Amino acid sequence: MQIPRFKRVDRKRLIHISYTDPEYVKYYDLDLDDFQGLVMKLKKGDPLTDAENDRYGIYIITVCIIVQEGPKFKNKPVWEREEMIEQQYMEMLSGITTFNPVKGKIYSYAYRIGYTAACHYYTDKIEEAKRQEAIMEHCKEELWDYLEEFNDHKTRRH
């Protein structure tokens, strides 16, 4: 997934701005009241309208972008961050509806899911590298055994 681009903004990010406000910048600002309302609507099992679904997706991607602007992830290559945002998005979609407004704020909850998903991305990457290394070691051993057997067979024939 490509990371969405937004026009250059010369101000701090606003997280309590309404999405209808002319100052609102998509993929930069957050309407937390609307975001929480959409999450609660989904939690109750009510379907979202097309417009609500679009805003919901934008809010999730915005939180993912905010997480990636943190010190652990901001200097990572763009291709890596684009792969990471896919994992963040999927984990956010599956986990955000367990939000409980009594226990905290939607922003903190969403941020934590996005941060944890970004960490999962790197954990999965390390595990995949270990699996690939094990496969390569196994293939080298099998190839070596095959070559030894082939050479033994070849020398016995002469």
Protein backbone atom coordinates (compact mmCIF):
# COMPACT_ATOMS: atom_id res chain seq x y z
CA MET A 1 0.00 0.00 0.00
CA GLN A 2 1.39 3.36 -0.93
CA ILE A 3 1.55 5.89 1.87
CA PRO A 4 -0.93 8.66 1.04
CA ARG A 5 0.50 12.08 0.37
CA PHE A 6 -1.00 15.33 1.62
CA LYS A 7 -0.28 18.94 0.96
CA ARG A 8 2.50 20.50 3.02
CA VAL A 9 1.18 21.73 6.35
CA ASP A 10 3.00 24.45 8.30
CA ARG A 11 1.31 23.80 11.62
CA LYS A 12 1.03 21.10 14.24
CA ARG A 13 -1.31 18.22 13.61
CA LEU A 14 -4.86 18.83 14.86
CA ILE A 15 -6.55 15.80 16.39
CA HIS A 16 -9.73 17.45 17.60
CA ILE A 17 -10.71 19.20 14.37
CA SER A 18 -13.93 18.37 12.56
CA TYR A 19 -13.51 16.74 9.16
CA THR A 20 -15.90 19.39 7.79
CA ASP A 21 -13.65 22.25 8.94
CA PRO A 22 -11.89 24.00 6.02
CA GLU A 23 -8.58 23.74 7.95
CA TYR A 24 -8.86 19.93 8.09
CA VAL A 25 -6.17 18.14 6.05
CA LYS A 26 -6.97 14.57 5.05
CA TYR A 27 -4.32 12.02 6.22
CA TYR A 28 -2.79 14.67 8.51
CA ASP A 29 -5.49 15.78 10.95
CA LEU A 30 -7.91 13.62 12.92
CA ASP A 31 -11.52 14.16 13.91
CA LEU A 32 -11.38 12.03 17.06
CA ASP A 33 -15.04 12.54 17.93
CA ASP A 34 -16.10 11.27 14.50
CA PHE A 35 -13.53 8.44 14.64
CA GLN A 36 -14.81 7.28 18.02
CA GLY A 37 -18.41 7.55 16.83
CA LEU A 38 -17.64 5.36 13.82
CA VAL A 39 -15.83 2.78 15.96
CA MET A 40 -18.72 2.66 18.42
CA LYS A 41 -21.20 2.29 15.56
CA LEU A 42 -19.24 -0.68 14.22
CA LYS A 43 -18.91 -2.13 17.70
CA LYS A 44 -22.72 -2.14 17.99
CA GLY A 45 -22.89 -3.98 14.66
CA ASP A 46 -24.39 -1.09 12.69
CA PRO A 47 -23.17 -0.78 9.10
CA LEU A 48 -21.32 2.33 7.97
CA THR A 49 -22.44 4.40 4.99
CA ASP A 50 -20.01 4.76 2.10
CA ALA A 51 -18.96 8.23 3.29
CA GLU A 52 -18.49 6.98 6.87
CA ASN A 53 -16.50 3.99 5.63
CA ASP A 54 -14.20 6.31 3.65
CA ARG A 55 -13.62 8.53 6.70
CA TYR A 56 -13.04 5.48 8.88
CA GLY A 57 -10.34 4.20 6.52
CA ILE A 58 -8.74 7.65 6.35
CA TYR A 59 -8.63 7.88 10.16
CA ILE A 60 -6.98 4.48 10.44
CA ILE A 61 -4.37 5.32 7.81
CA THR A 62 -3.75 8.67 9.51
CA VAL A 63 -3.01 6.97 12.82
CA CYS A 64 -0.67 4.55 11.01
CA ILE A 65 1.17 7.51 9.44
CA ILE A 66 1.43 9.21 12.85
CA VAL A 67 2.98 6.05 14.31
CA GLN A 68 5.48 5.90 11.46
CA GLU A 69 6.53 9.48 12.19
CA GLY A 70 7.76 8.33 15.61
CA PRO A 71 11.48 7.96 16.35
CA LYS A 72 11.60 4.17 15.85
CA PHE A 73 10.17 4.23 12.34
CA LYS A 74 10.66 7.64 10.72
CA ASN A 75 14.09 6.85 9.26
CA LYS A 76 13.08 3.53 7.72
CA PRO A 77 13.08 3.27 3.92
CA VAL A 78 9.86 4.20 2.14
CA TRP A 79 9.35 0.70 0.71
CA GLU A 80 9.58 -0.77 4.22
CA ARG A 81 7.13 1.76 5.63
CA GLU A 82 4.72 1.00 2.78
CA GLU A 83 4.84 -2.70 3.64
CA MET A 84 4.49 -1.84 7.32
CA ILE A 85 1.37 0.29 6.77
CA GLU A 86 -0.41 -2.74 5.30
CA GLN A 87 0.16 -4.71 8.48
CA GLN A 88 -0.80 -1.73 10.63
CA TYR A 89 -4.00 -1.22 8.66
CA MET A 90 -5.07 -4.87 8.89
CA GLU A 91 -4.32 -5.13 12.62
CA MET A 92 -6.08 -1.83 13.25
CA LEU A 93 -9.20 -3.00 11.39
CA SER A 94 -9.34 -6.22 13.36
CA GLY A 95 -8.57 -4.71 16.77
CA ILE A 96 -10.06 -1.23 16.95
CA THR A 97 -13.64 -2.39 17.55
CA THR A 98 -12.61 -3.79 20.94
CA PHE A 99 -12.14 -0.20 22.09
CA ASN A 100 -13.85 0.65 25.39
CA PRO A 101 -14.37 4.41 25.96
CA VAL A 102 -14.57 3.85 29.72
CA LYS A 103 -10.96 2.61 29.79
CA GLY A 104 -9.35 5.32 27.69
CA LYS A 105 -9.29 7.51 24.60
CA ILE A 106 -9.66 6.32 21.02
CA TYR A 107 -6.42 8.01 19.94
CA SER A 108 -4.32 6.21 22.56
CA TYR A 109 -5.95 2.90 21.78
CA ALA A 110 -5.54 3.26 18.01
CA TYR A 111 -1.96 4.49 18.37
CA ARG A 112 -1.07 1.48 20.51
CA ILE A 113 -2.54 -0.93 17.96
CA GLY A 114 -0.62 0.82 15.15
CA TYR A 115 2.63 0.81 17.12
CA THR A 116 2.27 -2.85 18.07
CA ALA A 117 1.49 -3.75 14.46
CA ALA A 118 4.63 -1.93 13.30
CA CYS A 119 6.65 -3.95 15.83
CA HIS A 120 4.95 -7.13 14.57
CA TYR A 121 6.07 -6.22 11.05
CA TYR A 122 9.72 -6.29 12.14
CA THR A 123 9.29 -9.40 14.28
CA ASP A 124 7.71 -11.20 11.32
CA LYS A 125 10.52 -9.99 9.07
CA ILE A 126 13.15 -11.40 11.44
CA GLU A 127 11.29 -14.72 11.69
CA GLU A 128 11.03 -14.92 7.90
CA ALA A 129 14.77 -14.28 7.55
CA LYS A 130 15.45 -17.10 10.05
CA ARG A 131 13.16 -19.44 8.08
CA GLN A 132 14.91 -18.55 4.82
CA GLU A 133 18.31 -19.14 6.41
CA ALA A 134 17.19 -22.56 7.70
CA ILE A 135 15.88 -23.47 4.24
CA MET A 136 19.15 -22.39 2.63
CA GLU A 137 21.18 -24.42 5.16
CA HIS A 138 18.99 -27.45 4.54
CA CYS A 139 19.31 -27.05 0.77
CA LYS A 140 23.11 -26.71 1.03
CA GLU A 141 23.29 -29.90 3.12
CA GLU A 142 21.03 -31.77 0.70
CA LEU A 143 23.02 -30.54 -2.29
CA TRP A 144 26.30 -31.46 -0.62
CA ASP A 145 25.00 -34.93 0.22
CA TYR A 146 23.74 -35.35 -3.34
CA LEU A 147 27.08 -34.24 -4.83
CA GLU A 148 29.02 -36.61 -2.55
CA GLU A 149 26.73 -39.48 -3.48
CA PHE A 150 26.98 -38.61 -7.17
CA ASN A 151 30.79 -38.42 -7.02
CA ASP A 152 31.02 -41.69 -5.09
CA HIS A 153 28.79 -43.39 -7.64
CA LYS A 154 30.79 -41.92 -10.52
CA THR A 155 34.18 -43.03 -9.13
CA ARG A 156 32.94 -46.55 -8.34
CA ARG A 157 31.90 -47.07 -11.95
CA HIS A 158 35.45 -46.52 -13.31
